[in-house]
Amino acid sequence: MWDEDLSACSLTLPKWGSMRDGVLLEQDTSADGIFGSAAGSWLPTIGKNEFKGAGKNRFRGSEEYRGAKMSEGLRTCKEDPIYLTPSFGEYVMGWPLTWTELAPLAMDKFLSWRQQHGGF
């Protein structure tokens, strides 16, 4: 194997960064993890099935808690809401607030069209 001492070559590399011309440049991560101070632990990010909410019996400390959804990690008892609010989801994702809000439908134009075309 190796006949020489490699301890002088051992170094700790940063988790994130890049190298240019043999120089290591440490960089911050692109986004901080999601930490819920109310939960007291790291929370999972919002997933594609978060809209389904958490099961009624899934909350921190319960036997059915899996911690796979943010909505589960934020709940502390059965009475807590099982769904995340859209504004909270927008805030956590870093989106502009009210971005996912639906604008009111233009019913006046539809009613006018329906009247002109013999709507019932």
N, C-alpha and C. Protein backbone atom coordinates (compact mmCIF):
# COMPACT_ATOMS: atom_id res chain seq x y z
N MET A 1 0.83 -1.19 0.00
CA MET A 1 0.00 0.00 0.00
C MET A 1 0.87 1.25 0.00
N TRP A 2 0.41 2.26 0.76
CA TRP A 2 1.12 3.52 0.80
C TRP A 2 2.28 3.44 1.80
N ASP A 3 3.42 3.86 1.36
CA ASP A 3 4.58 3.85 2.25
C ASP A 3 4.79 5.21 2.91
N GLU A 4 4.09 6.20 2.44
CA GLU A 4 4.32 7.54 2.98
C GLU A 4 3.16 7.98 3.87
N ASP A 5 3.44 8.95 4.72
CA ASP A 5 2.43 9.48 5.62
C ASP A 5 1.59 10.51 4.87
N LEU A 6 0.28 10.30 4.81
CA LEU A 6 -0.60 11.20 4.06
C LEU A 6 -1.34 12.17 4.97
N SER A 7 -1.01 12.22 6.26
CA SER A 7 -1.74 13.09 7.16
C SER A 7 -1.59 14.56 6.77
N ALA A 8 -0.48 14.95 6.18
CA ALA A 8 -0.28 16.33 5.77
C ALA A 8 -1.20 16.69 4.60
N CYS A 9 -1.64 15.68 3.85
CA CYS A 9 -2.49 15.92 2.69
C CYS A 9 -3.98 15.87 3.06
N SER A 10 -4.30 15.39 4.23
CA SER A 10 -5.69 15.28 4.62
C SER A 10 -6.24 16.66 4.94
N LEU A 11 -7.35 17.00 4.32
CA LEU A 11 -7.99 18.27 4.60
C LEU A 11 -9.49 18.09 4.54
N THR A 12 -10.19 18.99 5.15
CA THR A 12 -11.65 18.95 5.14
C THR A 12 -12.15 19.89 4.07
N LEU A 13 -12.87 19.34 3.13
CA LEU A 13 -13.40 20.14 2.03
C LEU A 13 -14.76 20.71 2.42
N PRO A 14 -15.10 21.89 1.90
CA PRO A 14 -16.44 22.45 2.19
C PRO A 14 -17.51 21.61 1.52
N LYS A 15 -18.73 21.63 2.08
CA LYS A 15 -19.84 20.88 1.49
C LYS A 15 -20.27 21.48 0.16
N TRP A 16 -20.18 22.80 0.04
CA TRP A 16 -20.60 23.50 -1.16
C TRP A 16 -19.45 24.37 -1.63
N GLY A 17 -19.31 24.51 -2.92
CA GLY A 17 -18.30 25.42 -3.42
C GLY A 17 -17.85 25.05 -4.82
N SER A 18 -16.76 25.64 -5.21
CA SER A 18 -16.20 25.38 -6.52
C SER A 18 -14.69 25.52 -6.45
N MET A 19 -14.04 25.11 -7.52
CA MET A 19 -12.59 25.22 -7.58
C MET A 19 -12.21 25.95 -8.85
N ARG A 20 -11.28 26.88 -8.72
CA ARG A 20 -10.80 27.60 -9.89
C ARG A 20 -9.30 27.79 -9.75
N ASP A 21 -8.57 27.34 -10.74
CA ASP A 21 -7.11 27.43 -10.75
C ASP A 21 -6.51 26.82 -9.49
N GLY A 22 -7.09 25.70 -9.02
CA GLY A 22 -6.57 25.00 -7.86
C GLY A 22 -6.95 25.61 -6.52
N VAL A 23 -7.77 26.65 -6.53
CA VAL A 23 -8.17 27.30 -5.29
C VAL A 23 -9.62 26.92 -4.98
N LEU A 24 -9.86 26.44 -3.75
CA LEU A 24 -11.22 26.10 -3.34
C LEU A 24 -11.95 27.34 -2.88
N LEU A 25 -13.13 27.53 -3.40
CA LEU A 25 -13.97 28.68 -3.03
C LEU A 25 -15.23 28.15 -2.36
N GLU A 26 -15.39 28.43 -1.06
CA GLU A 26 -16.58 27.98 -0.36
C GLU A 26 -17.72 28.93 -0.67
N GLN A 27 -18.90 28.36 -0.92
CA GLN A 27 -20.08 29.16 -1.22
C GLN A 27 -21.19 28.77 -0.27
N ASP A 28 -22.06 29.72 0.01
CA ASP A 28 -23.23 29.42 0.81
C ASP A 28 -24.16 28.55 -0.01
N THR A 29 -25.01 27.79 0.66
CA THR A 29 -26.00 27.00 -0.06
C THR A 29 -27.00 27.95 -0.71
N SER A 30 -27.67 27.47 -1.73
CA SER A 30 -28.59 28.33 -2.47
C SER A 30 -29.81 28.71 -1.64
N ALA A 31 -30.19 27.86 -0.71
CA ALA A 31 -31.34 28.17 0.14
C ALA A 31 -31.14 27.54 1.50
N ASP A 32 -31.59 28.23 2.52
CA ASP A 32 -31.51 27.67 3.86
C ASP A 32 -32.54 26.56 4.00
N GLY A 33 -32.29 25.65 4.90
CA GLY A 33 -33.27 24.63 5.21
C GLY A 33 -34.47 25.27 5.88
N ILE A 34 -35.55 24.55 5.94
CA ILE A 34 -36.76 25.08 6.56
C ILE A 34 -36.74 24.65 8.01
N PHE A 35 -36.74 25.60 8.89
CA PHE A 35 -36.70 25.30 10.31
C PHE A 35 -37.93 25.88 10.97
N GLY A 36 -38.68 25.03 11.60
CA GLY A 36 -39.88 25.49 12.29
C GLY A 36 -39.59 25.62 13.77
N SER A 37 -39.49 26.83 14.28
CA SER A 37 -39.19 27.00 15.69
C SER A 37 -40.31 26.44 16.55
N ALA A 38 -41.53 26.46 16.02
CA ALA A 38 -42.64 25.89 16.79
C ALA A 38 -42.51 24.38 16.87
N ALA A 39 -41.99 23.79 15.81
CA ALA A 39 -41.84 22.34 15.79
C ALA A 39 -40.60 21.91 16.56
N GLY A 40 -39.60 22.76 16.63
CA GLY A 40 -38.39 22.43 17.35
C GLY A 40 -37.48 21.49 16.60
N SER A 41 -37.73 21.29 15.31
CA SER A 41 -36.89 20.40 14.52
C SER A 41 -36.99 20.79 13.05
N TRP A 42 -36.15 20.17 12.25
CA TRP A 42 -36.20 20.44 10.81
C TRP A 42 -37.48 19.88 10.24
N LEU A 43 -38.08 20.62 9.33
CA LEU A 43 -39.32 20.19 8.69
C LEU A 43 -39.04 19.79 7.25
N PRO A 44 -39.80 18.83 6.71
CA PRO A 44 -39.63 18.52 5.30
C PRO A 44 -40.14 19.68 4.45
N THR A 45 -39.66 19.76 3.23
CA THR A 45 -40.15 20.80 2.33
C THR A 45 -41.54 20.43 1.84
N ILE A 46 -42.21 21.39 1.27
CA ILE A 46 -43.55 21.14 0.75
C ILE A 46 -43.44 20.25 -0.48
N GLY A 47 -44.21 19.19 -0.50
CA GLY A 47 -44.18 18.25 -1.61
C GLY A 47 -45.41 18.36 -2.48
N LYS A 48 -45.42 17.59 -3.55
CA LYS A 48 -46.52 17.68 -4.50
C LYS A 48 -47.85 17.16 -3.93
N ASN A 49 -47.81 16.36 -2.87
CA ASN A 49 -49.05 15.85 -2.29
C ASN A 49 -49.46 16.60 -1.01
N GLU A 50 -48.84 17.73 -0.76
CA GLU A 50 -49.15 18.50 0.44
C GLU A 50 -50.60 19.00 0.44
N PHE A 51 -51.17 19.18 -0.75
CA PHE A 51 -52.55 19.67 -0.84
C PHE A 51 -53.54 18.71 -0.20
N LYS A 52 -53.16 17.45 -0.03
CA LYS A 52 -54.04 16.47 0.59
C LYS A 52 -54.10 16.64 2.10
N GLY A 53 -53.14 17.37 2.65
CA GLY A 53 -53.12 17.60 4.09
C GLY A 53 -52.61 16.39 4.86
N ALA A 54 -52.59 16.52 6.15
CA ALA A 54 -52.15 15.43 7.03
C ALA A 54 -53.37 14.64 7.48
N GLY A 55 -53.16 13.39 7.82
CA GLY A 55 -54.24 12.60 8.40
C GLY A 55 -54.60 13.16 9.78
N LYS A 56 -55.84 12.96 10.20
CA LYS A 56 -56.28 13.52 11.48
C LYS A 56 -55.44 13.04 12.65
N ASN A 57 -54.96 11.82 12.59
CA ASN A 57 -54.18 11.25 13.69
C ASN A 57 -52.67 11.41 13.50
N ARG A 58 -52.26 12.15 12.49
CA ARG A 58 -50.83 12.34 12.24
C ARG A 58 -50.40 13.73 12.71
N PHE A 59 -49.73 13.78 13.81
CA PHE A 59 -49.17 15.01 14.35
C PHE A 59 -47.96 14.63 15.20
N ARG A 60 -47.10 15.59 15.48
CA ARG A 60 -45.89 15.31 16.25
C ARG A 60 -46.25 14.69 17.59
N GLY A 61 -45.61 13.58 17.90
CA GLY A 61 -45.86 12.90 19.17
C GLY A 61 -46.88 11.78 19.09
N SER A 62 -47.63 11.69 18.00
CA SER A 62 -48.63 10.62 17.89
C SER A 62 -47.96 9.35 17.36
N GLU A 63 -48.64 8.23 17.54
CA GLU A 63 -48.10 6.95 17.07
C GLU A 63 -48.07 6.88 15.55
N GLU A 64 -48.96 7.60 14.88
CA GLU A 64 -49.04 7.54 13.42
C GLU A 64 -48.19 8.59 12.72
N TYR A 65 -47.46 9.40 13.47
CA TYR A 65 -46.63 10.46 12.88
C TYR A 65 -45.51 9.84 12.06
N ARG A 66 -45.38 10.29 10.80
CA ARG A 66 -44.29 9.85 9.94
C ARG A 66 -43.33 10.98 9.63
N GLY A 67 -43.79 12.22 9.70
CA GLY A 67 -42.92 13.36 9.43
C GLY A 67 -42.60 13.56 7.96
N ALA A 68 -43.39 12.97 7.08
CA ALA A 68 -43.12 13.08 5.66
C ALA A 68 -43.66 14.36 5.05
N LYS A 69 -44.61 14.99 5.72
CA LYS A 69 -45.22 16.21 5.19
C LYS A 69 -45.01 17.36 6.16
N MET A 70 -44.90 18.55 5.61
CA MET A 70 -44.78 19.72 6.46
C MET A 70 -46.04 19.90 7.30
N SER A 71 -47.20 19.60 6.73
CA SER A 71 -48.43 19.76 7.49
C SER A 71 -48.47 18.84 8.71
N GLU A 72 -47.82 17.67 8.64
CA GLU A 72 -47.74 16.79 9.81
C GLU A 72 -46.79 17.37 10.85
N GLY A 73 -45.66 17.88 10.40
CA GLY A 73 -44.65 18.39 11.31
C GLY A 73 -45.07 19.63 12.07
N LEU A 74 -46.01 20.39 11.52
CA LEU A 74 -46.48 21.61 12.18
C LEU A 74 -47.61 21.34 13.16
N ARG A 75 -48.26 20.20 13.06
CA ARG A 75 -49.38 19.87 13.94
C ARG A 75 -48.88 19.32 15.27
N THR A 76 -49.55 19.69 16.36
CA THR A 76 -49.18 19.18 17.67
C THR A 76 -50.31 18.42 18.35
N CYS A 77 -51.53 18.47 17.77
CA CYS A 77 -52.66 17.72 18.33
C CYS A 77 -53.71 17.51 17.23
N LYS A 78 -54.72 16.71 17.54
CA LYS A 78 -55.77 16.40 16.56
C LYS A 78 -56.56 17.62 16.14
N GLU A 79 -56.65 18.62 17.00
CA GLU A 79 -57.45 19.80 16.72
C GLU A 79 -56.77 20.78 15.77
N ASP A 80 -55.46 20.64 15.56
CA ASP A 80 -54.75 21.54 14.64
C ASP A 80 -55.22 21.30 13.21
N PRO A 81 -55.22 22.34 12.36
CA PRO A 81 -55.64 22.16 10.97
C PRO A 81 -54.77 21.13 10.24
N ILE A 82 -55.40 20.37 9.34
CA ILE A 82 -54.65 19.35 8.61
C ILE A 82 -54.06 19.88 7.30
N TYR A 83 -54.46 21.09 6.90
CA TYR A 83 -53.96 21.68 5.66
C TYR A 83 -53.10 22.90 5.95
N LEU A 84 -52.13 23.16 5.07
CA LEU A 84 -51.38 24.41 5.12
C LEU A 84 -52.20 25.47 4.40
N THR A 85 -52.14 26.70 4.85
CA THR A 85 -52.83 27.76 4.14
C THR A 85 -52.03 28.13 2.90
N PRO A 86 -52.68 28.57 1.83
CA PRO A 86 -51.94 28.94 0.62
C PRO A 86 -50.92 30.04 0.88
N SER A 87 -51.25 31.02 1.71
CA SER A 87 -50.30 32.10 1.97
C SER A 87 -49.06 31.59 2.70
N PHE A 88 -49.22 30.61 3.60
CA PHE A 88 -48.06 30.03 4.28
C PHE A 88 -47.20 29.27 3.28
N GLY A 89 -47.85 28.52 2.39
CA GLY A 89 -47.11 27.79 1.36
C GLY A 89 -46.32 28.73 0.46
N GLU A 90 -46.93 29.84 0.08
CA GLU A 90 -46.22 30.83 -0.75
C GLU A 90 -45.02 31.40 -0.01
N TYR A 91 -45.21 31.70 1.27
CA TYR A 91 -44.12 32.27 2.08
C TYR A 91 -42.95 31.30 2.19
N VAL A 92 -43.26 30.02 2.49
CA VAL A 92 -42.20 29.02 2.66
C VAL A 92 -41.46 28.78 1.35
N MET A 93 -42.19 28.79 0.24
CA MET A 93 -41.56 28.55 -1.06
C MET A 93 -40.82 29.78 -1.59
N GLY A 94 -40.99 30.93 -0.93
CA GLY A 94 -40.32 32.14 -1.38
C GLY A 94 -41.03 32.82 -2.53
N TRP A 95 -42.28 32.47 -2.76
CA TRP A 95 -43.05 33.08 -3.84
C TRP A 95 -43.66 34.39 -3.36
N PRO A 96 -44.01 35.27 -4.29
CA PRO A 96 -44.73 36.50 -3.89
C PRO A 96 -46.07 36.13 -3.26
N LEU A 97 -46.43 36.83 -2.20
CA LEU A 97 -47.71 36.54 -1.54
C LEU A 97 -48.86 36.83 -2.50
N THR A 98 -49.87 36.06 -2.42
CA THR A 98 -51.08 36.06 -3.26
C THR A 98 -50.81 35.61 -4.70
N TRP A 99 -49.63 35.03 -4.97
CA TRP A 99 -49.32 34.59 -6.32
C TRP A 99 -50.26 33.47 -6.77
N THR A 100 -50.62 32.58 -5.87
CA THR A 100 -51.48 31.46 -6.24
C THR A 100 -52.96 31.77 -6.09
N GLU A 101 -53.27 33.00 -5.71
CA GLU A 101 -54.66 33.39 -5.52
C GLU A 101 -55.37 33.46 -6.86
N LEU A 102 -56.58 32.93 -6.90
CA LEU A 102 -57.36 32.98 -8.13
C LEU A 102 -58.09 34.30 -8.22
N ALA A 103 -58.03 34.92 -9.38
CA ALA A 103 -58.76 36.17 -9.61
C ALA A 103 -60.23 35.83 -9.81
N PRO A 104 -61.13 36.74 -9.47
CA PRO A 104 -62.54 36.48 -9.69
C PRO A 104 -62.82 36.28 -11.18
N LEU A 105 -63.75 35.40 -11.47
CA LEU A 105 -64.10 35.14 -12.86
C LEU A 105 -64.90 36.31 -13.43
N ALA A 106 -64.75 36.53 -14.71
CA ALA A 106 -65.45 37.62 -15.38
C ALA A 106 -66.85 37.13 -15.78
N MET A 107 -67.73 37.05 -14.83
CA MET A 107 -69.08 36.52 -15.06
C MET A 107 -69.93 37.44 -15.92
N ASP A 108 -69.68 38.75 -15.85
CA ASP A 108 -70.51 39.68 -16.62
C ASP A 108 -70.38 39.42 -18.12
N LYS A 109 -69.19 39.12 -18.61
CA LYS A 109 -69.01 38.83 -20.04
C LYS A 109 -69.68 37.52 -20.42
N PHE A 110 -69.58 36.53 -19.55
CA PHE A 110 -70.22 35.24 -19.82
C PHE A 110 -71.74 35.39 -19.88
N LEU A 111 -72.30 36.11 -18.91
CA LEU A 111 -73.75 36.30 -18.89
C LEU A 111 -74.23 37.05 -20.12
N SER A 112 -73.46 38.04 -20.58
CA SER A 112 -73.81 38.78 -21.80
C SER A 112 -73.78 37.85 -23.01
N TRP A 113 -72.76 37.03 -23.10
CA TRP A 113 -72.65 36.08 -24.22
C TRP A 113 -73.79 35.09 -24.20
N ARG A 114 -74.13 34.60 -23.01
CA ARG A 114 -75.20 33.61 -22.88
C ARG A 114 -76.54 34.22 -23.29
N GLN A 115 -76.75 35.50 -22.93
CA GLN A 115 -77.99 36.16 -23.29
C GLN A 115 -78.09 36.33 -24.81
N GLN A 116 -76.98 36.69 -25.46
CA GLN A 116 -76.98 36.90 -26.91
C GLN A 116 -77.18 35.59 -27.68
N HIS A 117 -76.80 34.48 -27.08
CA HIS A 117 -76.86 33.20 -27.78
C HIS A 117 -77.99 32.30 -27.26
N GLY A 118 -78.99 32.90 -26.70
CA GLY A 118 -80.17 32.14 -26.29
C GLY A 118 -79.90 31.21 -25.11
N GLY A 119 -79.09 31.67 -24.19
CA GLY A 119 -78.81 30.84 -23.01
C GLY A 119 -80.05 30.62 -22.18
N PHE A 120 -80.06 29.53 -21.45
CA PHE A 120 -81.23 29.22 -20.63
C PHE A 120 -80.98 29.51 -19.18
